[in-house]
C-alpha cells in the first residue's frame, strides 16, 4: 500500500493536537480546582463577614441601649430634683399651717 505523501505530517500534527488537547484538559482541571478552592474561601469569608456584621449590629444596639439608659438617668435626676422642690414647698406650707394653727389657738385663748 502506497503512503500518502502528507501522511507523516498528518501523523505529527495529530500527535501535537493530542498533546495540546491533554495540556488544555489539565489546564481546565487545574482552573476548576482553583475555582472550587476560591469558592470555599469565599464561603468562609462570607460567613465571617456576616458574623462580623451581626457583631456590629449588636454593638449598635448596645450603644443605643446605653444612650437610652443615660437619657432615663437624666430624666430620673430631673424628676428627683423636682420632687425635692415639691417636698421643700410642702414643708414650708406645713410650717405655715402649724403657725396659722398656733395663731388661731392664741386668738381663741385671748378671746376666752
Foldseek 3Di string as FASTA:
>chain_A
DDDDPCVVVVVVVVVVVVVVVVVVVVVVVVVVVVVVVVVVVVVVVVVVVVVVVVVVVVVVVVVVVVVVVVVVVVVVVVVVVVVVVVVVVVVVVVVVVVVVVVVVVVVVVVVD
